[in-house]
Amino acid sequence: MSTSDHFIETKNEIIYWHNKTGSITTDEALELSDQIKNLVETGDYTRLIVDNSQMSGVWSSEVDKIWIDLMKYITQYIPKTATICENVINKLQVNYLASQSVSPDRMKAFTVSEKEEFERFIKSDD
């Protein structure tokens, strides 16, 4: 999917998902979720990197449910998912959602200033 607010691309064994807004409808969230699931099912990806570093706005609790479902689904196929967050609030929100679906050693959020921790996490095999 490519819009001015959301962009998904792949490179080697990594899916990159860029978000510029969190203010999305449930229909938009479902569409993004379906596109990620399709990529995961049809490719041989080992990592998903979600870039929320330029994201503004927040999503609703209805969208939370879609993201939790997507997180549970992704971990069946991809060993590591990392989210780069614009601020600590978004990091806490993403880590909370991840804790509802997977273990923190498989999916974790980082702020932009935590680049070294992000790199260590996404490159590790455990």
Protein backbone atom coordinates (compact mmCIF):
# COMPACT_ATOMS: atom_id res chain seq x y z
CA MET A 1 0.00 0.00 0.00
CA SER A 2 1.24 3.40 -0.79
CA THR A 3 -0.54 6.56 0.23
CA SER A 4 0.82 9.80 1.54
CA ASP A 5 0.22 8.53 5.08
CA HIS A 6 1.22 4.84 4.84
CA PHE A 7 3.82 3.07 2.73
CA ILE A 8 4.83 -0.59 2.72
CA GLU A 9 7.95 -1.84 0.95
CA THR A 10 10.20 -4.87 1.06
CA LYS A 11 13.95 -5.21 0.79
CA ASN A 12 15.77 -8.51 1.05
CA GLU A 13 14.15 -10.37 3.97
CA ILE A 14 12.64 -7.29 5.62
CA ILE A 15 9.20 -5.68 5.38
CA TYR A 16 9.29 -1.94 6.01
CA TRP A 17 6.01 -0.28 7.01
CA HIS A 18 6.09 3.53 7.22
CA ASN A 19 3.28 5.47 8.95
CA LYS A 20 2.87 9.23 9.04
CA THR A 21 -0.47 9.22 10.86
CA GLY A 22 -2.07 7.10 13.52
CA SER A 23 -5.45 8.68 12.94
CA ILE A 24 -6.94 6.00 10.73
CA THR A 25 -10.31 4.33 10.40
CA THR A 26 -10.93 0.69 11.16
CA ASP A 27 -11.38 0.07 7.42
CA GLU A 28 -7.96 1.58 6.70
CA ALA A 29 -6.41 -0.46 9.52
CA LEU A 30 -7.99 -3.64 8.15
CA GLU A 31 -6.66 -2.86 4.68
CA LEU A 32 -3.13 -2.29 6.02
CA SER A 33 -3.38 -5.46 8.12
CA ASP A 34 -4.49 -7.50 5.10
CA GLN A 35 -1.61 -6.16 3.01
CA ILE A 36 0.96 -7.02 5.68
CA LYS A 37 -0.56 -10.50 6.13
CA ASN A 38 -0.43 -11.08 2.37
CA LEU A 39 3.25 -10.13 2.25
CA VAL A 40 4.02 -12.35 5.24
CA GLU A 41 2.22 -15.31 3.68
CA THR A 42 3.78 -14.99 0.24
CA GLY A 43 7.36 -14.04 1.09
CA ASP A 44 10.27 -15.35 3.08
CA TYR A 45 10.69 -12.47 5.52
CA THR A 46 12.60 -12.59 8.79
CA ARG A 47 11.96 -9.06 10.06
CA LEU A 48 9.23 -6.42 10.08
CA ILE A 49 10.24 -2.85 10.81
CA VAL A 50 7.43 -0.41 11.50
CA ASP A 51 8.49 3.21 11.16
CA ASN A 52 6.26 5.49 13.22
CA SER A 53 9.05 8.03 13.67
CA GLN A 54 7.14 10.74 11.79
CA MET A 55 3.68 9.68 12.91
CA SER A 56 1.17 12.12 14.30
CA GLY A 57 -2.19 11.34 15.87
CA VAL A 58 -3.37 8.25 17.67
CA TRP A 59 -5.55 5.34 16.70
CA SER A 60 -8.78 4.27 18.37
CA SER A 61 -9.36 1.29 20.66
CA GLU A 62 -11.12 -0.44 17.74
CA VAL A 63 -7.89 -0.13 15.75
CA ASP A 64 -5.97 -1.49 18.80
CA LYS A 65 -7.86 -4.77 18.35
CA ILE A 66 -6.84 -4.95 14.68
CA TRP A 67 -3.18 -4.30 15.58
CA ILE A 68 -3.23 -6.97 18.32
CA ASP A 69 -4.68 -9.48 15.85
CA LEU A 70 -2.01 -8.53 13.31
CA MET A 71 0.77 -8.87 15.91
CA LYS A 72 -0.41 -12.36 16.84
CA TYR A 73 -0.54 -13.32 13.18
CA ILE A 74 2.87 -11.89 12.26
CA THR A 75 4.73 -13.80 14.95
CA GLN A 76 3.65 -17.09 13.37
CA TYR A 77 5.85 -16.19 10.39
CA ILE A 78 8.36 -13.49 11.33
CA PRO A 79 10.73 -13.94 14.28
CA LYS A 80 11.41 -10.23 14.98
CA THR A 81 9.33 -7.08 14.70
CA ALA A 82 10.54 -3.66 15.78
CA THR A 83 8.73 -0.34 15.78
CA ILE A 84 10.53 2.99 15.71
CA CYS A 85 8.32 5.49 17.53
CA GLU A 86 8.13 9.25 17.33
CA ASN A 87 7.74 9.60 21.10
CA VAL A 88 7.62 7.71 24.38
CA ILE A 89 3.80 7.67 24.42
CA ASN A 90 3.67 5.81 21.10
CA LYS A 91 6.43 3.47 22.30
CA LEU A 92 4.45 2.63 25.44
CA GLN A 93 1.29 2.09 23.41
CA VAL A 94 3.00 -0.27 20.95
CA ASN A 95 4.77 -2.19 23.72
CA TYR A 96 1.47 -2.54 25.61
CA LEU A 97 -0.27 -3.91 22.51
CA ALA A 98 2.63 -6.29 21.88
CA SER A 99 2.44 -7.53 25.47
CA GLN A 100 -1.18 -8.50 24.81
CA SER A 101 -0.16 -10.77 21.94
CA VAL A 102 3.50 -11.83 21.97
CA SER A 103 6.63 -11.91 24.09
CA PRO A 104 8.90 -8.84 24.20
CA ASP A 105 11.84 -10.81 22.81
CA ARG A 106 9.94 -11.08 19.48
CA MET A 107 8.29 -7.66 19.19
CA LYS A 108 9.42 -4.38 20.70
CA ALA A 109 9.13 -0.62 20.22
CA PHE A 110 11.87 1.98 20.45
CA THR A 111 12.02 5.76 20.31
CA VAL A 112 14.09 7.47 17.64
CA SER A 113 16.78 8.22 20.24
CA GLU A 114 17.18 4.48 21.03
CA LYS A 115 18.87 3.67 17.73
CA GLU A 116 21.58 1.44 19.23
CA GLU A 117 19.04 -0.64 21.19
CA PHE A 118 16.87 -0.92 18.08
CA GLU A 119 19.82 -2.10 15.96
CA ARG A 120 20.85 -4.67 18.58
CA PHE A 121 17.32 -6.02 18.86
CA ILE A 122 16.54 -6.27 15.16
CA LYS A 123 19.91 -7.88 14.33
CA SER A 124 19.85 -10.45 17.12
CA ASP A 125 18.81 -14.01 16.35
CA ASP A 126 17.35 -14.90 19.74
